[in-house]
Amino acid sequence: MQEERLPLGVAARLSRYLQILTQTKKSGKRTISSQILSEYSNVNPTQIRRDLSAFGKFGKRGVGYNVDYLIGRIKEILHTSGQHNLALMGSGNLGAAIASSRIFADHGFNIAALFDTDPAKVGQRVGNLLVRPLSEVGETVREKKIIVGVLAVPPAAAQAAADLLIDAGVKIIFNYSEALVDAPPGVAVHSMSPAGELLYALYFYLT
């Protein structure tokens, strides 16, 4: 019997809690309260306790939640335990910044390959990654069992880059460009727009 999917709201909140817990662990703290989670997530503490209690008893009154344990349980709930390989498209300023940071590694994602169209960049290294030509996307995705593609390319190049990843079998596209990317059924596209996030925050600040 197929496991029932989490409601989108619950999945989104759990993902946010996981991000906060990961940073909390990096700071050296071993426990966290629902109040602190609330302050960083902008989710009501009562809602946080309700979300977590739906999957078991995690915290102790007056002590809070064990950070390591809660990270592990939320990863299990979200089916994100273990390491997942991703392909990064674009080695420009944004791509290089992503490749050189731990933004994905901290959450169990390994940047397994970096691609670019610029012949001057192909063959160069960005951090520990060798920049590959687009002609190697299909073979590399299959060889390294890559399931996620990250678009760090100009808007005009986003659709073509996404198409290469989709043709190679990638099922999740994380889009940092401002372009609207089309994908067939069965392929999820998630867009990250700093301007959109800022407009969202500004709306709640001004109203």
N, C-alpha and C. Protein backbone atom coordinates (compact mmCIF):
# COMPACT_ATOMS: atom_id res chain seq x y z
N MET A 1 0.84 -1.20 0.00
CA MET A 1 0.00 0.00 0.00
C MET A 1 0.87 1.25 0.00
N GLN A 2 0.61 2.18 -0.92
CA GLN A 2 1.41 3.38 -1.03
C GLN A 2 1.16 4.31 0.14
N GLU A 3 2.26 4.84 0.70
CA GLU A 3 2.15 5.74 1.84
C GLU A 3 1.49 7.04 1.41
N GLU A 4 0.59 7.54 2.25
CA GLU A 4 -0.13 8.77 1.94
C GLU A 4 0.82 9.96 1.99
N ARG A 5 0.71 10.83 1.02
CA ARG A 5 1.56 12.01 0.97
C ARG A 5 1.19 12.99 2.08
N LEU A 6 2.18 13.72 2.55
CA LEU A 6 1.92 14.77 3.53
C LEU A 6 1.20 15.93 2.85
N PRO A 7 0.31 16.62 3.57
CA PRO A 7 -0.26 17.85 3.03
C PRO A 7 0.86 18.83 2.71
N LEU A 8 0.68 19.64 1.66
CA LEU A 8 1.75 20.54 1.23
C LEU A 8 2.20 21.48 2.35
N GLY A 9 1.23 21.98 3.12
CA GLY A 9 1.57 22.90 4.20
C GLY A 9 2.46 22.25 5.25
N VAL A 10 2.14 21.01 5.60
CA VAL A 10 2.93 20.28 6.60
C VAL A 10 4.33 20.01 6.06
N ALA A 11 4.43 19.56 4.82
CA ALA A 11 5.73 19.27 4.22
C ALA A 11 6.59 20.53 4.17
N ALA A 12 5.98 21.66 3.81
CA ALA A 12 6.72 22.92 3.73
C ALA A 12 7.23 23.34 5.11
N ARG A 13 6.38 23.19 6.12
CA ARG A 13 6.80 23.59 7.47
C ARG A 13 7.89 22.67 8.00
N LEU A 14 7.75 21.36 7.79
CA LEU A 14 8.76 20.42 8.25
C LEU A 14 10.10 20.71 7.58
N SER A 15 10.07 21.05 6.30
CA SER A 15 11.30 21.38 5.58
C SER A 15 11.96 22.61 6.19
N ARG A 16 11.14 23.58 6.57
CA ARG A 16 11.66 24.79 7.20
C ARG A 16 12.25 24.47 8.58
N TYR A 17 11.56 23.63 9.35
CA TYR A 17 12.09 23.24 10.66
C TYR A 17 13.44 22.55 10.49
N LEU A 18 13.53 21.70 9.47
CA LEU A 18 14.77 20.96 9.23
C LEU A 18 15.92 21.91 8.92
N GLN A 19 15.65 22.93 8.14
CA GLN A 19 16.68 23.92 7.82
C GLN A 19 17.17 24.62 9.08
N ILE A 20 16.24 25.01 9.94
CA ILE A 20 16.60 25.70 11.18
C ILE A 20 17.37 24.77 12.11
N LEU A 21 16.93 23.53 12.21
CA LEU A 21 17.60 22.55 13.06
C LEU A 21 19.02 22.28 12.59
N THR A 22 19.21 22.23 11.28
CA THR A 22 20.54 22.00 10.73
C THR A 22 21.50 23.12 11.11
N GLN A 23 21.02 24.36 11.00
CA GLN A 23 21.86 25.50 11.38
C GLN A 23 22.09 25.53 12.89
N THR A 24 21.07 25.12 13.65
CA THR A 24 21.21 25.05 15.10
C THR A 24 22.29 24.06 15.49
N LYS A 25 22.30 22.91 14.82
CA LYS A 25 23.32 21.90 15.09
C LYS A 25 24.70 22.43 14.77
N LYS A 26 24.85 23.16 13.66
CA LYS A 26 26.14 23.72 13.28
C LYS A 26 26.66 24.72 14.31
N SER A 27 25.72 25.38 15.01
CA SER A 27 26.12 26.35 16.03
C SER A 27 26.55 25.67 17.33
N GLY A 28 26.37 24.35 17.41
CA GLY A 28 26.81 23.61 18.58
C GLY A 28 25.75 23.37 19.63
N LYS A 29 24.51 23.80 19.36
CA LYS A 29 23.44 23.61 20.34
C LYS A 29 22.83 22.23 20.18
N ARG A 30 22.50 21.60 21.30
CA ARG A 30 21.99 20.22 21.29
C ARG A 30 20.47 20.15 21.44
N THR A 31 19.86 21.20 21.97
CA THR A 31 18.40 21.21 22.13
C THR A 31 17.84 22.53 21.59
N ILE A 32 16.54 22.50 21.30
CA ILE A 32 15.86 23.70 20.81
C ILE A 32 14.41 23.64 21.26
N SER A 33 13.85 24.79 21.61
CA SER A 33 12.46 24.84 22.05
C SER A 33 11.54 25.19 20.88
N SER A 34 10.27 24.92 21.06
CA SER A 34 9.29 25.29 20.02
C SER A 34 9.23 26.81 19.88
N GLN A 35 9.53 27.54 20.94
CA GLN A 35 9.51 29.00 20.87
C GLN A 35 10.63 29.52 19.96
N ILE A 36 11.81 28.93 20.09
CA ILE A 36 12.93 29.33 19.22
C ILE A 36 12.64 28.94 17.78
N LEU A 37 12.11 27.73 17.58
CA LEU A 37 11.72 27.33 16.23
C LEU A 37 10.70 28.30 15.64
N SER A 38 9.80 28.76 16.48
CA SER A 38 8.78 29.71 16.05
C SER A 38 9.39 31.03 15.61
N GLU A 39 10.35 31.52 16.38
CA GLU A 39 10.97 32.81 16.07
C GLU A 39 11.69 32.79 14.73
N TYR A 40 12.29 31.65 14.39
CA TYR A 40 13.04 31.58 13.14
C TYR A 40 12.17 31.16 11.95
N SER A 41 11.08 30.47 12.22
CA SER A 41 10.24 29.96 11.13
C SER A 41 8.99 30.79 10.88
N ASN A 42 8.66 31.68 11.84
CA ASN A 42 7.42 32.46 11.76
C ASN A 42 6.18 31.57 11.77
N VAL A 43 6.31 30.42 12.42
CA VAL A 43 5.19 29.51 12.61
C VAL A 43 4.83 29.52 14.09
N ASN A 44 3.55 29.59 14.40
CA ASN A 44 3.10 29.61 15.79
C ASN A 44 3.62 28.38 16.56
N PRO A 45 4.11 28.57 17.80
CA PRO A 45 4.63 27.42 18.57
C PRO A 45 3.61 26.28 18.71
N THR A 46 2.34 26.64 18.85
CA THR A 46 1.30 25.61 18.96
C THR A 46 1.24 24.78 17.69
N GLN A 47 1.35 25.44 16.54
CA GLN A 47 1.34 24.73 15.26
C GLN A 47 2.56 23.83 15.13
N ILE A 48 3.70 24.31 15.60
CA ILE A 48 4.92 23.51 15.55
C ILE A 48 4.75 22.23 16.36
N ARG A 49 4.24 22.38 17.60
CA ARG A 49 4.04 21.21 18.44
C ARG A 49 3.02 20.26 17.83
N ARG A 50 2.00 20.80 17.18
CA ARG A 50 0.99 19.98 16.53
C ARG A 50 1.61 19.22 15.35
N ASP A 51 2.41 19.91 14.55
CA ASP A 51 3.06 19.26 13.40
C ASP A 51 3.92 18.10 13.85
N LEU A 52 4.71 18.31 14.90
CA LEU A 52 5.65 17.28 15.34
C LEU A 52 4.97 16.15 16.09
N SER A 53 3.98 16.48 16.91
CA SER A 53 3.30 15.45 17.69
C SER A 53 2.50 14.49 16.82
N ALA A 54 2.20 14.90 15.58
CA ALA A 54 1.47 14.02 14.67
C ALA A 54 2.31 12.80 14.28
N PHE A 55 3.64 12.88 14.51
CA PHE A 55 4.53 11.79 14.11
C PHE A 55 5.21 11.12 15.31
N GLY A 56 4.78 11.48 16.50
CA GLY A 56 5.36 10.85 17.69
C GLY A 56 5.68 11.89 18.75
N LYS A 57 6.23 11.42 19.86
CA LYS A 57 6.59 12.31 20.95
C LYS A 57 8.08 12.61 20.86
N PHE A 58 8.42 13.87 20.59
CA PHE A 58 9.82 14.23 20.36
C PHE A 58 10.44 15.05 21.50
N GLY A 59 9.69 15.96 22.09
CA GLY A 59 10.27 16.88 23.05
C GLY A 59 9.88 16.59 24.48
N LYS A 60 10.56 17.28 25.40
CA LYS A 60 10.25 17.19 26.83
C LYS A 60 9.95 18.59 27.34
N ARG A 61 8.86 18.71 28.10
CA ARG A 61 8.48 20.00 28.65
C ARG A 61 9.61 20.57 29.50
N GLY A 62 9.96 21.82 29.24
CA GLY A 62 11.02 22.48 29.99
C GLY A 62 12.41 22.21 29.47
N VAL A 63 12.53 21.24 28.55
CA VAL A 63 13.84 20.88 27.99
C VAL A 63 13.91 21.22 26.50
N GLY A 64 12.83 20.92 25.79
CA GLY A 64 12.79 21.17 24.36
C GLY A 64 13.05 19.91 23.55
N TYR A 65 13.45 20.11 22.32
CA TYR A 65 13.68 18.99 21.41
C TYR A 65 15.17 18.71 21.27
N ASN A 66 15.52 17.43 21.20
CA ASN A 66 16.89 17.04 20.90
C ASN A 66 17.14 17.29 19.41
N VAL A 67 18.09 18.15 19.11
CA VAL A 67 18.31 18.59 17.73
C VAL A 67 18.69 17.43 16.81
N ASP A 68 19.66 16.61 17.21
CA ASP A 68 20.10 15.49 16.36
C ASP A 68 18.96 14.52 16.08
N TYR A 69 18.23 14.17 17.12
CA TYR A 69 17.15 13.21 16.97
C TYR A 69 16.05 13.76 16.06
N LEU A 70 15.71 15.03 16.25
CA LEU A 70 14.63 15.62 15.46
C LEU A 70 15.03 15.76 14.00
N ILE A 71 16.29 16.09 13.75
CA ILE A 71 16.78 16.14 12.36
C ILE A 71 16.60 14.78 11.69
N GLY A 72 17.00 13.72 12.39
CA GLY A 72 16.88 12.38 11.82
C GLY A 72 15.44 11.99 11.55
N ARG A 73 14.55 12.30 12.48
CA ARG A 73 13.15 11.90 12.32
C ARG A 73 12.47 12.69 11.21
N ILE A 74 12.75 13.99 11.12
CA ILE A 74 12.13 14.78 10.05
C ILE A 74 12.64 14.32 8.69
N LYS A 75 13.91 13.98 8.60
CA LYS A 75 14.44 13.45 7.34
C LYS A 75 13.74 12.16 6.95
N GLU A 76 13.47 11.31 7.94
CA GLU A 76 12.73 10.07 7.66
C GLU A 76 11.33 10.38 7.18
N ILE A 77 10.66 11.32 7.84
CA ILE A 77 9.29 11.68 7.46
C ILE A 77 9.24 12.25 6.05
N LEU A 78 10.24 13.06 5.70
CA LEU A 78 10.28 13.69 4.38
C LEU A 78 10.96 12.80 3.34
N HIS A 79 11.41 11.61 3.76
CA HIS A 79 12.11 10.67 2.86
C HIS A 79 13.37 11.30 2.26
N THR A 80 14.11 12.06 3.07
CA THR A 80 15.33 12.71 2.58
C THR A 80 16.57 12.22 3.30
N SER A 81 16.47 11.06 3.99
CA SER A 81 17.65 10.52 4.65
C SER A 81 18.66 10.08 3.59
N GLY A 82 19.93 10.11 3.94
CA GLY A 82 20.97 9.71 3.00
C GLY A 82 21.43 10.88 2.16
N GLN A 83 22.21 10.59 1.14
CA GLN A 83 22.77 11.63 0.28
C GLN A 83 22.19 11.52 -1.13
N HIS A 84 21.92 12.66 -1.73
CA HIS A 84 21.33 12.69 -3.07
C HIS A 84 22.22 13.54 -3.99
N ASN A 85 22.46 13.05 -5.18
CA ASN A 85 23.31 13.75 -6.13
C ASN A 85 22.50 14.74 -6.97
N LEU A 86 23.13 15.89 -7.23
CA LEU A 86 22.48 16.88 -8.10
C LEU A 86 23.48 17.40 -9.11
N ALA A 87 22.92 17.95 -10.20
CA ALA A 87 23.72 18.56 -11.26
C ALA A 87 23.48 20.06 -11.23
N LEU A 88 24.56 20.82 -11.31
CA LEU A 88 24.48 22.28 -11.30
C LEU A 88 24.75 22.79 -12.71
N MET A 89 23.79 23.52 -13.26
CA MET A 89 23.93 24.07 -14.62
C MET A 89 24.32 25.54 -14.52
N GLY A 90 25.54 25.85 -14.97
CA GLY A 90 26.01 27.23 -14.95
C GLY A 90 27.12 27.43 -13.93
N SER A 91 28.28 27.92 -14.42
CA SER A 91 29.41 28.15 -13.52
C SER A 91 29.78 29.63 -13.46
N GLY A 92 28.79 30.49 -13.74
CA GLY A 92 29.01 31.94 -13.61
C GLY A 92 29.08 32.34 -12.15
N ASN A 93 28.82 33.61 -11.85
CA ASN A 93 28.94 34.10 -10.48
C ASN A 93 28.05 33.32 -9.52
N LEU A 94 26.77 33.13 -9.91
CA LEU A 94 25.84 32.42 -9.03
C LEU A 94 26.22 30.95 -8.92
N GLY A 95 26.49 30.32 -10.06
CA GLY A 95 26.85 28.90 -10.05
C GLY A 95 28.11 28.64 -9.25
N ALA A 96 29.11 29.51 -9.41
CA ALA A 96 30.36 29.35 -8.68
C ALA A 96 30.13 29.51 -7.18
N ALA A 97 29.27 30.45 -6.81
CA ALA A 97 28.97 30.66 -5.39
C ALA A 97 28.29 29.44 -4.80
N ILE A 98 27.35 28.86 -5.55
CA ILE A 98 26.65 27.66 -5.07
C ILE A 98 27.62 26.48 -4.96
N ALA A 99 28.46 26.31 -5.99
CA ALA A 99 29.39 25.19 -6.02
C ALA A 99 30.42 25.27 -4.89
N SER A 100 30.75 26.49 -4.47
CA SER A 100 31.78 26.67 -3.45
C SER A 100 31.23 26.72 -2.03
N SER A 101 29.91 26.69 -1.88
CA SER A 101 29.31 26.79 -0.56
C SER A 101 28.81 25.42 -0.09
N ARG A 102 28.33 25.39 1.15
CA ARG A 102 27.76 24.15 1.69
C ARG A 102 26.24 24.23 1.75
N ILE A 103 25.65 25.11 0.97
CA ILE A 103 24.22 25.36 1.02
C ILE A 103 23.41 24.09 0.78
N PHE A 104 23.89 23.21 -0.09
CA PHE A 104 23.19 21.95 -0.35
C PHE A 104 23.78 20.81 0.49
N ALA A 105 25.09 20.80 0.66
CA ALA A 105 25.75 19.71 1.38
C ALA A 105 25.23 19.57 2.80
N ASP A 106 24.92 20.70 3.44
CA ASP A 106 24.43 20.65 4.82
C ASP A 106 23.11 19.90 4.95
N HIS A 107 22.41 19.74 3.83
CA HIS A 107 21.11 19.08 3.85
C HIS A 107 21.13 17.74 3.11
N GLY A 108 22.32 17.20 2.89
CA GLY A 108 22.41 15.87 2.31
C GLY A 108 22.44 15.82 0.80
N PHE A 109 22.66 16.99 0.15
CA PHE A 109 22.73 17.01 -1.32
C PHE A 109 24.17 17.22 -1.76
N ASN A 110 24.63 16.36 -2.65
CA ASN A 110 25.99 16.43 -3.16
C ASN A 110 25.98 16.95 -4.59
N ILE A 111 26.69 18.05 -4.84
CA ILE A 111 26.81 18.55 -6.21
C ILE A 111 27.79 17.63 -6.93
N ALA A 112 27.24 16.74 -7.72
CA ALA A 112 28.04 15.70 -8.36
C ALA A 112 28.62 16.13 -9.70
N ALA A 113 28.05 17.18 -10.31
CA ALA A 113 28.53 17.61 -11.62
C ALA A 113 28.17 19.07 -11.86
N LEU A 114 29.04 19.77 -12.58
CA LEU A 114 28.85 21.19 -12.91
C LEU A 114 29.03 21.34 -14.42
N PHE A 115 28.07 22.03 -15.05
CA PHE A 115 28.10 22.17 -16.52
C PHE A 115 28.04 23.64 -16.93
N ASP A 116 28.62 23.92 -18.10
CA ASP A 116 28.57 25.28 -18.65
C ASP A 116 28.72 25.21 -20.16
N THR A 117 28.19 26.26 -20.83
CA THR A 117 28.28 26.34 -22.29
C THR A 117 29.54 27.05 -22.76
N ASP A 118 30.19 27.79 -21.87
CA ASP A 118 31.34 28.61 -22.24
C ASP A 118 32.59 27.74 -22.40
N PRO A 119 33.15 27.66 -23.62
CA PRO A 119 34.35 26.83 -23.84
C PRO A 119 35.53 27.25 -22.96
N ALA A 120 35.58 28.54 -22.60
CA ALA A 120 36.68 29.03 -21.76
C ALA A 120 36.58 28.51 -20.34
N LYS A 121 35.36 28.13 -19.91
CA LYS A 121 35.17 27.64 -18.55
C LYS A 121 35.24 26.12 -18.46
N VAL A 122 34.88 25.45 -19.55
CA VAL A 122 34.91 23.98 -19.57
C VAL A 122 36.34 23.49 -19.33
N GLY A 123 36.48 22.56 -18.43
CA GLY A 123 37.80 22.04 -18.10
C GLY A 123 38.44 22.73 -16.91
N GLN A 124 37.88 23.87 -16.51
CA GLN A 124 38.38 24.57 -15.33
C GLN A 124 37.75 23.98 -14.08
N ARG A 125 38.31 24.31 -12.93
CA ARG A 125 37.77 23.82 -11.67
C ARG A 125 37.14 24.96 -10.88
N VAL A 126 35.98 24.65 -10.31
CA VAL A 126 35.31 25.56 -9.39
C VAL A 126 35.18 24.79 -8.08
N GLY A 127 35.97 25.17 -7.09
CA GLY A 127 36.03 24.37 -5.88
C GLY A 127 36.60 23.01 -6.22
N ASN A 128 35.89 21.96 -5.87
CA ASN A 128 36.35 20.60 -6.18
C ASN A 128 35.73 20.05 -7.46
N LEU A 129 34.97 20.90 -8.17
CA LEU A 129 34.24 20.42 -9.34
C LEU A 129 34.91 20.83 -10.64
N LEU A 130 34.94 19.88 -11.57
CA LEU A 130 35.43 20.15 -12.91
C LEU A 130 34.25 20.60 -13.77
N VAL A 131 34.39 21.72 -14.46
CA VAL A 131 33.31 22.21 -15.32
C VAL A 131 33.26 21.35 -16.58
N ARG A 132 32.08 20.78 -16.83
CA ARG A 132 31.90 19.87 -17.96
C ARG A 132 31.10 20.54 -19.07
N PRO A 133 31.23 20.07 -20.31
CA PRO A 133 30.42 20.60 -21.42
C PRO A 133 29.01 20.02 -21.37
N LEU A 134 28.07 20.72 -21.99
CA LEU A 134 26.68 20.25 -21.99
C LEU A 134 26.51 18.91 -22.69
N SER A 135 27.43 18.59 -23.58
CA SER A 135 27.33 17.31 -24.30
C SER A 135 27.45 16.11 -23.37
N GLU A 136 27.93 16.33 -22.14
CA GLU A 136 28.11 15.23 -21.19
C GLU A 136 26.97 15.12 -20.18
N VAL A 137 25.94 15.97 -20.32
CA VAL A 137 24.86 15.96 -19.32
C VAL A 137 24.19 14.60 -19.22
N GLY A 138 23.75 14.06 -20.34
CA GLY A 138 23.01 12.80 -20.32
C GLY A 138 23.79 11.66 -19.69
N GLU A 139 25.02 11.47 -20.16
CA GLU A 139 25.86 10.38 -19.66
C GLU A 139 26.15 10.55 -18.17
N THR A 140 26.46 11.80 -17.76
CA THR A 140 26.83 12.05 -16.37
C THR A 140 25.66 11.85 -15.43
N VAL A 141 24.49 12.32 -15.83
CA VAL A 141 23.29 12.16 -14.99
C VAL A 141 23.00 10.70 -14.74
N ARG A 142 23.10 9.89 -15.78
CA ARG A 142 22.81 8.47 -15.62
C ARG A 142 23.91 7.76 -14.83
N GLU A 143 25.16 8.11 -15.09
CA GLU A 143 26.29 7.46 -14.43
C GLU A 143 26.30 7.74 -12.93
N LYS A 144 26.00 9.00 -12.56
CA LYS A 144 26.07 9.41 -11.16
C LYS A 144 24.71 9.34 -10.45
N LYS A 145 23.71 8.82 -11.16
CA LYS A 145 22.37 8.68 -10.59
C LYS A 145 21.87 10.01 -10.01
N ILE A 146 21.99 11.04 -10.81
CA ILE A 146 21.57 12.38 -10.40
C ILE A 146 20.05 12.51 -10.51
N ILE A 147 19.41 13.01 -9.47
CA ILE A 147 17.95 13.11 -9.47
C ILE A 147 17.46 14.56 -9.44
N VAL A 148 18.38 15.50 -9.17
CA VAL A 148 18.00 16.91 -9.06
C VAL A 148 18.91 17.75 -9.95
N GLY A 149 18.32 18.71 -10.66
CA GLY A 149 19.09 19.66 -11.45
C GLY A 149 18.87 21.06 -10.92
N VAL A 150 19.95 21.84 -10.82
CA VAL A 150 19.87 23.22 -10.34
C VAL A 150 20.25 24.15 -11.48
N LEU A 151 19.36 25.09 -11.79
CA LEU A 151 19.61 26.04 -12.87
C LEU A 151 20.16 27.33 -12.30
N ALA A 152 21.44 27.61 -12.59
CA ALA A 152 22.06 28.87 -12.20
C ALA A 152 22.57 29.54 -13.47
N VAL A 153 21.65 29.71 -14.41
CA VAL A 153 21.98 30.21 -15.74
C VAL A 153 21.15 31.47 -16.03
N PRO A 154 21.53 32.25 -17.05
CA PRO A 154 20.70 33.40 -17.43
C PRO A 154 19.31 32.93 -17.85
N PRO A 155 18.29 33.77 -17.68
CA PRO A 155 16.91 33.38 -18.03
C PRO A 155 16.77 32.82 -19.45
N ALA A 156 17.49 33.41 -20.40
CA ALA A 156 17.36 32.98 -21.79
C ALA A 156 17.88 31.55 -22.00
N ALA A 157 18.73 31.07 -21.10
CA ALA A 157 19.30 29.73 -21.26
C ALA A 157 18.61 28.69 -20.38
N ALA A 158 17.66 29.12 -19.55
CA ALA A 158 17.06 28.23 -18.55
C ALA A 158 16.30 27.06 -19.16
N GLN A 159 15.45 27.32 -20.15
CA GLN A 159 14.63 26.25 -20.72
C GLN A 159 15.49 25.19 -21.40
N ALA A 160 16.48 25.63 -22.15
CA ALA A 160 17.36 24.68 -22.84
C ALA A 160 18.12 23.82 -21.83
N ALA A 161 18.59 24.44 -20.75
CA ALA A 161 19.31 23.69 -19.72
C ALA A 161 18.38 22.70 -19.03
N ALA A 162 17.16 23.14 -18.76
CA ALA A 162 16.18 22.25 -18.13
C ALA A 162 15.85 21.08 -19.04
N ASP A 163 15.69 21.34 -20.33
CA ASP A 163 15.37 20.28 -21.29
C ASP A 163 16.45 19.19 -21.31
N LEU A 164 17.71 19.61 -21.24
CA LEU A 164 18.81 18.64 -21.22
C LEU A 164 18.72 17.74 -20.00
N LEU A 165 18.43 18.34 -18.85
CA LEU A 165 18.32 17.57 -17.62
C LEU A 165 17.12 16.62 -17.67
N ILE A 166 16.00 17.13 -18.16
CA ILE A 166 14.79 16.31 -18.24
C ILE A 166 14.99 15.14 -19.19
N ASP A 167 15.61 15.39 -20.35
CA ASP A 167 15.87 14.32 -21.31
C ASP A 167 16.78 13.25 -20.72
N ALA A 168 17.64 13.67 -19.76
CA ALA A 168 18.56 12.73 -19.14
C ALA A 168 17.91 11.93 -18.01
N GLY A 169 16.69 12.34 -17.61
CA GLY A 169 15.97 11.59 -16.59
C GLY A 169 15.82 12.28 -15.25
N VAL A 170 16.28 13.53 -15.14
CA VAL A 170 16.12 14.28 -13.89
C VAL A 170 14.64 14.58 -13.65
N LYS A 171 14.19 14.40 -12.42
CA LYS A 171 12.77 14.57 -12.10
C LYS A 171 12.47 15.83 -11.28
N ILE A 172 13.52 16.48 -10.76
CA ILE A 172 13.32 17.70 -9.97
C ILE A 172 14.26 18.78 -10.49
N ILE A 173 13.70 19.93 -10.82
CA ILE A 173 14.48 21.08 -11.29
C ILE A 173 14.34 22.20 -10.27
N PHE A 174 15.47 22.67 -9.77
CA PHE A 174 15.46 23.82 -8.85
C PHE A 174 15.96 25.01 -9.65
N ASN A 175 15.08 25.99 -9.87
CA ASN A 175 15.33 27.06 -10.82
C ASN A 175 15.66 28.38 -10.12
N TYR A 176 16.94 28.80 -10.24
CA TYR A 176 17.36 30.07 -9.66
C TYR A 176 17.18 31.23 -10.63
N SER A 177 16.88 30.94 -11.89
CA SER A 177 16.70 32.01 -12.87
C SER A 177 15.31 32.61 -12.73
N GLU A 178 15.09 33.74 -13.38
CA GLU A 178 13.77 34.38 -13.33
C GLU A 178 12.85 33.84 -14.43
N ALA A 179 13.35 32.90 -15.23
CA ALA A 179 12.57 32.38 -16.36
C ALA A 179 11.47 31.43 -15.89
N LEU A 180 10.39 31.38 -16.67
CA LEU A 180 9.34 30.39 -16.45
C LEU A 180 9.73 29.15 -17.24
N VAL A 181 9.95 28.06 -16.53
CA VAL A 181 10.44 26.83 -17.16
C VAL A 181 9.30 25.83 -17.31
N ASP A 182 9.10 25.35 -18.52
CA ASP A 182 8.09 24.33 -18.79
C ASP A 182 8.69 22.94 -18.60
N ALA A 183 7.88 22.04 -18.04
CA ALA A 183 8.33 20.67 -17.83
C ALA A 183 7.16 19.72 -18.04
N PRO A 184 7.42 18.51 -18.48
CA PRO A 184 6.34 17.53 -18.71
C PRO A 184 5.81 17.00 -17.38
N PRO A 185 4.65 16.35 -17.40
CA PRO A 185 4.12 15.73 -16.19
C PRO A 185 5.16 14.77 -15.60
N GLY A 186 5.25 14.76 -14.29
CA GLY A 186 6.21 13.88 -13.64
C GLY A 186 7.52 14.54 -13.31
N VAL A 187 7.72 15.77 -13.79
CA VAL A 187 8.93 16.54 -13.47
C VAL A 187 8.50 17.79 -12.70
N ALA A 188 9.05 17.95 -11.50
CA ALA A 188 8.70 19.08 -10.64
C ALA A 188 9.70 20.21 -10.82
N VAL A 189 9.19 21.42 -11.02
CA VAL A 189 10.04 22.60 -11.14
C VAL A 189 9.76 23.52 -9.95
N HIS A 190 10.80 23.83 -9.19
CA HIS A 190 10.68 24.73 -8.04
C HIS A 190 11.53 25.96 -8.31
N SER A 191 10.91 27.12 -8.35
CA SER A 191 11.63 28.35 -8.65
C SER A 191 11.96 29.12 -7.39
N MET A 192 13.19 29.64 -7.34
CA MET A 192 13.66 30.44 -6.22
C MET A 192 13.92 31.84 -6.73
N SER A 193 13.08 32.79 -6.33
CA SER A 193 13.23 34.17 -6.79
C SER A 193 13.44 35.09 -5.59
N PRO A 194 14.64 35.63 -5.39
CA PRO A 194 14.86 36.57 -4.29
C PRO A 194 13.90 37.76 -4.33
N ALA A 195 13.63 38.27 -5.55
CA ALA A 195 12.71 39.39 -5.67
C ALA A 195 11.31 39.00 -5.23
N GLY A 196 10.87 37.79 -5.61
CA GLY A 196 9.55 37.32 -5.20
C GLY A 196 9.44 37.16 -3.70
N GLU A 197 10.50 36.61 -3.09
CA GLU A 197 10.51 36.45 -1.63
C GLU A 197 10.47 37.80 -0.94
N LEU A 198 11.18 38.77 -1.50
CA LEU A 198 11.20 40.11 -0.92
C LEU A 198 9.83 40.78 -1.03
N LEU A 199 9.17 40.62 -2.16
CA LEU A 199 7.83 41.18 -2.33
C LEU A 199 6.85 40.55 -1.34
N TYR A 200 6.99 39.26 -1.12
CA TYR A 200 6.14 38.54 -0.17
C TYR A 200 6.35 39.10 1.24
N ALA A 201 7.62 39.27 1.63
CA ALA A 201 7.92 39.80 2.96
C ALA A 201 7.44 41.24 3.09
N LEU A 202 7.59 42.01 2.03
CA LEU A 202 7.19 43.42 2.06
C LEU A 202 5.69 43.57 2.22
N TYR A 203 4.93 42.66 1.60
CA TYR A 203 3.48 42.71 1.71
C TYR A 203 3.04 42.60 3.17
N PHE A 204 3.63 41.62 3.87
CA PHE A 204 3.25 41.41 5.27
C PHE A 204 3.77 42.51 6.19
N TYR A 205 4.85 43.17 5.79
CA TYR A 205 5.39 44.27 6.60
C TYR A 205 4.50 45.50 6.45
N LEU A 206 3.96 45.71 5.26
CA LEU A 206 3.21 46.94 4.99
C LEU A 206 1.72 46.82 5.26
N THR A 207 1.21 45.59 5.49
CA THR A 207 -0.22 45.43 5.70
C THR A 207 -0.53 44.96 7.11
